Amino acid sequence: MQQIKIDLVSDIACPWCAIGYARLQQALSSLPNIKAKLEWHAFELNPDKNAPQQPILEALSKKYGRDINEMRAAQDNMITIATELGLNFAKLQQRNTCNTFDGHRLVKWAATQQKADAMKLALFDAYFGHAKNVADQHVLADCAEQAGLDKTEASHILASNQYETEVNDDIAKYQQAGISSVPAFIINNKYLISGAQEPAQLAASLQQIAAEMA
């Protein structure tokens, strides 16, 4: 059994990050000879905490300078991909833009309880599946409870500045490393796999890295 470390740089507001994680799980399930230790790291697509929330299709159309119908078609494609992976993207096109800093703080806390994966999945489900405002502290506390964490403790953390330093350090570190889009998978602090690659492609890359380490 070969062990690898995967640092996964992602944002809660990034649909491809949810798809990329699901594809990674599929890839790893096809590699019984490899055991992966996964660590989540923060990235913010909408770093301005004071920016007004906007309907997602309108915001994406403006950001990329493309017709709103083009953006709708791209989101439809993502819904199809996500559904095949067992992800709930039912409200992908009904959500609003939002800042995810506090959500990232809860993921850092969840990691200390070995529940970071569950926390991240609960946040993805709330945002893409139910179009909930994952900048709202009540929504975030509910997500923590869904992930099997203590809701009251989550509320206390959100009301404090706990884990702010860890999130800010993540954001600064990976910006300085030149990562400008997510998901990004960093394997053993050495190899970078960018984007939500297909499971077979991911598996082949991980197998090759493991072989080089052997």
Protein backbone atom coordinates (compact mmCIF):
# COMPACT_ATOMS: atom_id res chain seq x y z
CA MET A 1 0.00 0.00 0.00
CA GLN A 2 1.45 3.33 -1.09
CA GLN A 3 0.53 6.55 0.70
CA ILE A 4 0.18 9.89 -1.03
CA LYS A 5 -0.73 13.33 0.30
CA ILE A 6 -3.25 15.38 -1.66
CA ASP A 7 -3.67 19.08 -0.88
CA LEU A 8 -6.95 20.12 -2.48
CA VAL A 9 -7.30 23.85 -3.11
CA SER A 10 -10.95 24.69 -3.67
CA ASP A 11 -13.84 27.05 -2.99
CA ILE A 12 -17.27 26.18 -1.63
CA ALA A 13 -18.77 28.40 -4.36
CA CYS A 14 -17.03 26.47 -7.18
CA PRO A 15 -19.18 23.76 -8.84
CA TRP A 16 -16.17 22.20 -10.53
CA CYS A 17 -14.59 21.78 -7.08
CA ALA A 18 -17.50 19.58 -5.99
CA ILE A 19 -17.29 17.65 -9.28
CA GLY A 20 -13.50 17.39 -8.97
CA TYR A 21 -13.74 15.93 -5.46
CA ALA A 22 -16.36 13.37 -6.56
CA ARG A 23 -14.17 12.39 -9.51
CA LEU A 24 -11.14 12.12 -7.22
CA GLN A 25 -13.08 9.72 -4.97
CA GLN A 26 -13.96 7.61 -8.02
CA ALA A 27 -10.32 7.62 -9.15
CA LEU A 28 -9.07 6.56 -5.72
CA SER A 29 -11.65 3.79 -5.46
CA SER A 30 -10.12 2.28 -8.61
CA LEU A 31 -6.62 2.32 -7.05
CA PRO A 32 -6.67 -0.13 -4.11
CA ASN A 33 -2.85 0.02 -3.94
CA ILE A 34 -2.89 3.74 -3.10
CA LYS A 35 -4.03 5.32 0.15
CA ALA A 36 -4.54 9.08 0.01
CA LYS A 37 -4.47 11.59 2.84
CA LEU A 38 -6.56 14.56 1.76
CA GLU A 39 -6.32 18.09 3.14
CA TRP A 40 -8.64 20.92 2.07
CA HIS A 41 -7.31 24.43 1.46
CA ALA A 42 -9.22 27.66 1.01
CA PHE A 43 -9.64 29.70 -2.17
CA GLU A 44 -12.15 32.53 -2.64
CA LEU A 45 -13.91 33.19 -5.94
CA ASN A 46 -15.77 36.12 -4.33
CA PRO A 47 -13.31 37.58 -1.80
CA ASP A 48 -15.21 40.84 -1.14
CA LYS A 49 -17.30 40.23 1.99
CA ASN A 50 -19.21 43.46 1.40
CA ALA A 51 -20.11 42.87 -2.24
CA PRO A 52 -23.88 42.65 -2.83
CA GLN A 53 -25.09 39.18 -3.73
CA GLN A 54 -26.17 38.71 -7.35
CA PRO A 55 -28.11 36.01 -9.21
CA ILE A 56 -25.45 33.59 -10.42
CA LEU A 57 -26.28 33.56 -14.15
CA GLU A 58 -26.27 37.36 -14.28
CA ALA A 59 -22.97 37.50 -12.35
CA LEU A 60 -21.26 34.89 -14.55
CA SER A 61 -22.49 36.56 -17.73
CA LYS A 62 -21.01 39.86 -16.58
CA LYS A 63 -17.74 38.27 -15.34
CA TYR A 64 -16.99 36.35 -18.54
CA GLY A 65 -18.61 38.77 -21.00
CA ARG A 66 -20.84 36.04 -22.40
CA ASP A 67 -24.54 35.82 -23.14
CA ILE A 68 -26.69 34.68 -20.20
CA ASN A 69 -28.07 31.80 -22.30
CA GLU A 70 -24.51 30.56 -22.86
CA MET A 71 -23.95 30.58 -19.12
CA ARG A 72 -27.24 28.73 -18.58
CA ALA A 73 -26.17 26.04 -21.08
CA ALA A 74 -22.80 25.67 -19.33
CA GLN A 75 -24.56 25.29 -15.97
CA ASP A 76 -26.98 22.74 -17.48
CA ASN A 77 -23.97 20.71 -18.57
CA MET A 78 -22.54 20.86 -15.04
CA ILE A 79 -25.87 19.68 -13.58
CA THR A 80 -25.78 16.63 -15.86
CA ILE A 81 -22.18 15.78 -14.90
CA ALA A 82 -22.85 16.30 -11.18
CA THR A 83 -26.05 14.22 -11.18
CA GLU A 84 -24.19 11.29 -12.76
CA LEU A 85 -21.66 11.54 -9.91
CA GLY A 86 -24.42 11.47 -7.27
CA LEU A 87 -24.17 15.18 -6.39
CA ASN A 88 -27.20 17.37 -5.77
CA PHE A 89 -26.96 20.37 -8.13
CA ALA A 90 -30.73 20.90 -8.35
CA LYS A 91 -30.56 24.64 -7.54
CA LEU A 92 -27.26 25.43 -9.26
CA GLN A 93 -28.86 28.17 -11.37
CA GLN A 94 -31.04 29.62 -8.60
CA ARG A 95 -28.19 30.50 -6.23
CA ASN A 96 -26.66 33.91 -5.64
CA THR A 97 -23.00 34.85 -5.47
CA CYS A 98 -21.65 34.95 -1.94
CA ASN A 99 -18.46 35.14 0.09
CA THR A 100 -17.29 31.81 1.53
CA PHE A 101 -14.71 32.89 4.12
CA ASP A 102 -16.73 31.76 7.15
CA GLY A 103 -17.48 28.45 5.46
CA HIS A 104 -13.75 27.89 5.02
CA ARG A 105 -13.28 28.61 8.75
CA LEU A 106 -15.72 25.81 9.56
CA VAL A 107 -13.87 23.42 7.23
CA LYS A 108 -10.66 24.18 9.16
CA TRP A 109 -12.44 23.45 12.43
CA ALA A 110 -14.05 20.30 11.00
CA ALA A 111 -10.58 19.04 10.05
CA THR A 112 -9.64 19.00 13.74
CA GLN A 113 -12.58 16.60 14.26
CA GLN A 114 -11.70 14.46 11.17
CA LYS A 115 -14.88 15.73 9.49
CA ALA A 116 -13.54 18.13 6.87
CA ASP A 117 -14.84 16.02 3.94
CA ALA A 118 -18.33 15.83 5.48
CA MET A 119 -18.31 19.58 6.17
CA LYS A 120 -17.29 20.42 2.63
CA LEU A 121 -19.95 18.09 1.17
CA ALA A 122 -22.63 19.62 3.40
CA LEU A 123 -21.65 23.10 2.15
CA PHE A 124 -21.67 21.99 -1.49
CA ASP A 125 -25.12 20.43 -0.99
CA ALA A 126 -26.52 23.54 0.71
CA TYR A 127 -25.23 25.88 -2.00
CA PHE A 128 -25.66 23.88 -5.21
CA GLY A 129 -28.51 21.61 -4.16
CA HIS A 130 -30.65 24.08 -2.21
CA ALA A 131 -29.35 27.55 -3.26
CA LYS A 132 -28.82 28.47 0.40
CA ASN A 133 -26.78 31.51 1.37
CA VAL A 134 -23.55 29.93 2.63
CA ALA A 135 -22.37 33.30 3.90
CA ASP A 136 -25.19 33.21 6.48
CA GLN A 137 -24.03 31.98 9.88
CA HIS A 138 -27.31 30.16 10.64
CA VAL A 139 -27.04 28.24 7.35
CA LEU A 140 -23.40 27.43 8.14
CA ALA A 141 -24.25 26.14 11.62
CA ASP A 142 -26.94 23.91 10.07
CA CYS A 143 -24.35 22.57 7.62
CA ALA A 144 -22.01 21.77 10.51
CA GLU A 145 -24.79 19.81 12.20
CA GLN A 146 -25.49 17.96 8.94
CA ALA A 147 -21.78 17.05 8.83
CA GLY A 148 -22.04 15.49 12.28
CA LEU A 149 -20.52 18.40 14.18
CA ASP A 150 -21.84 20.28 17.20
CA LYS A 151 -24.11 23.08 15.97
CA THR A 152 -23.70 25.21 19.12
CA GLU A 153 -19.92 25.01 18.93
CA ALA A 154 -20.08 25.91 15.22
CA SER A 155 -22.12 29.02 16.11
CA HIS A 156 -19.55 30.02 18.75
CA ILE A 157 -16.72 29.66 16.23
CA LEU A 158 -18.60 31.72 13.65
CA ALA A 159 -19.22 34.47 16.21
CA SER A 160 -15.48 34.60 16.98
CA ASN A 161 -12.39 35.07 14.82
CA GLN A 162 -11.23 31.47 15.21
CA TYR A 163 -9.53 29.92 12.17
CA GLU A 164 -9.35 33.28 10.36
CA THR A 165 -5.54 33.14 10.36
CA GLU A 166 -5.51 29.61 8.95
CA VAL A 167 -7.86 30.56 6.11
CA ASN A 168 -5.97 33.76 5.30
CA ASP A 169 -2.68 31.83 5.31
CA ASP A 170 -4.14 29.30 2.84
CA ILE A 171 -5.38 32.00 0.50
CA ALA A 172 -2.06 33.87 0.56
CA LYS A 173 0.06 30.72 0.20
CA TYR A 174 -1.69 29.41 -2.90
CA GLN A 175 -1.98 32.83 -4.53
CA GLN A 176 1.79 33.19 -4.13
CA ALA A 177 2.21 29.69 -5.58
CA GLY A 178 0.45 30.94 -8.73
CA ILE A 179 -2.82 29.05 -8.35
CA SER A 180 -5.49 31.24 -9.95
CA SER A 181 -8.21 28.68 -10.67
CA VAL A 182 -9.68 25.75 -8.78
CA PRO A 183 -9.87 22.88 -8.12
CA ALA A 184 -6.12 22.31 -7.86
CA PHE A 185 -4.73 19.04 -6.55
CA ILE A 186 -1.17 19.17 -5.21
CA ILE A 187 0.30 15.70 -4.80
CA ASN A 188 3.09 15.17 -2.24
CA ASN A 189 3.95 18.90 -2.34
CA LYS A 190 5.45 18.30 -5.78
CA TYR A 191 2.95 17.57 -8.56
CA LEU A 192 0.06 19.81 -9.61
CA ILE A 193 -3.10 18.48 -11.24
CA SER A 194 -5.37 21.34 -12.35
CA GLY A 195 -9.10 21.20 -12.93
CA ALA A 196 -11.81 18.57 -12.45
CA GLN A 197 -10.28 15.87 -14.62
CA GLU A 198 -12.13 12.68 -15.54
CA PRO A 199 -11.71 9.83 -12.99
CA ALA A 200 -9.72 7.62 -15.39
CA GLN A 201 -7.33 10.48 -16.21
CA LEU A 202 -6.93 11.31 -12.52
CA ALA A 203 -6.33 7.67 -11.65
CA ALA A 204 -3.65 7.37 -14.34
CA SER A 205 -1.88 10.49 -13.04
CA LEU A 206 -1.97 9.26 -9.43
CA GLN A 207 -0.74 5.82 -10.46
CA GLN A 208 2.17 7.38 -12.36
CA ILE A 209 3.11 9.58 -9.39
CA ALA A 210 2.97 6.59 -7.04
CA ALA A 211 5.19 4.59 -9.42
CA GLU A 212 7.75 7.40 -9.54
CA MET A 213 7.84 7.47 -5.73
CA ALA A 214 8.27 3.71 -5.39
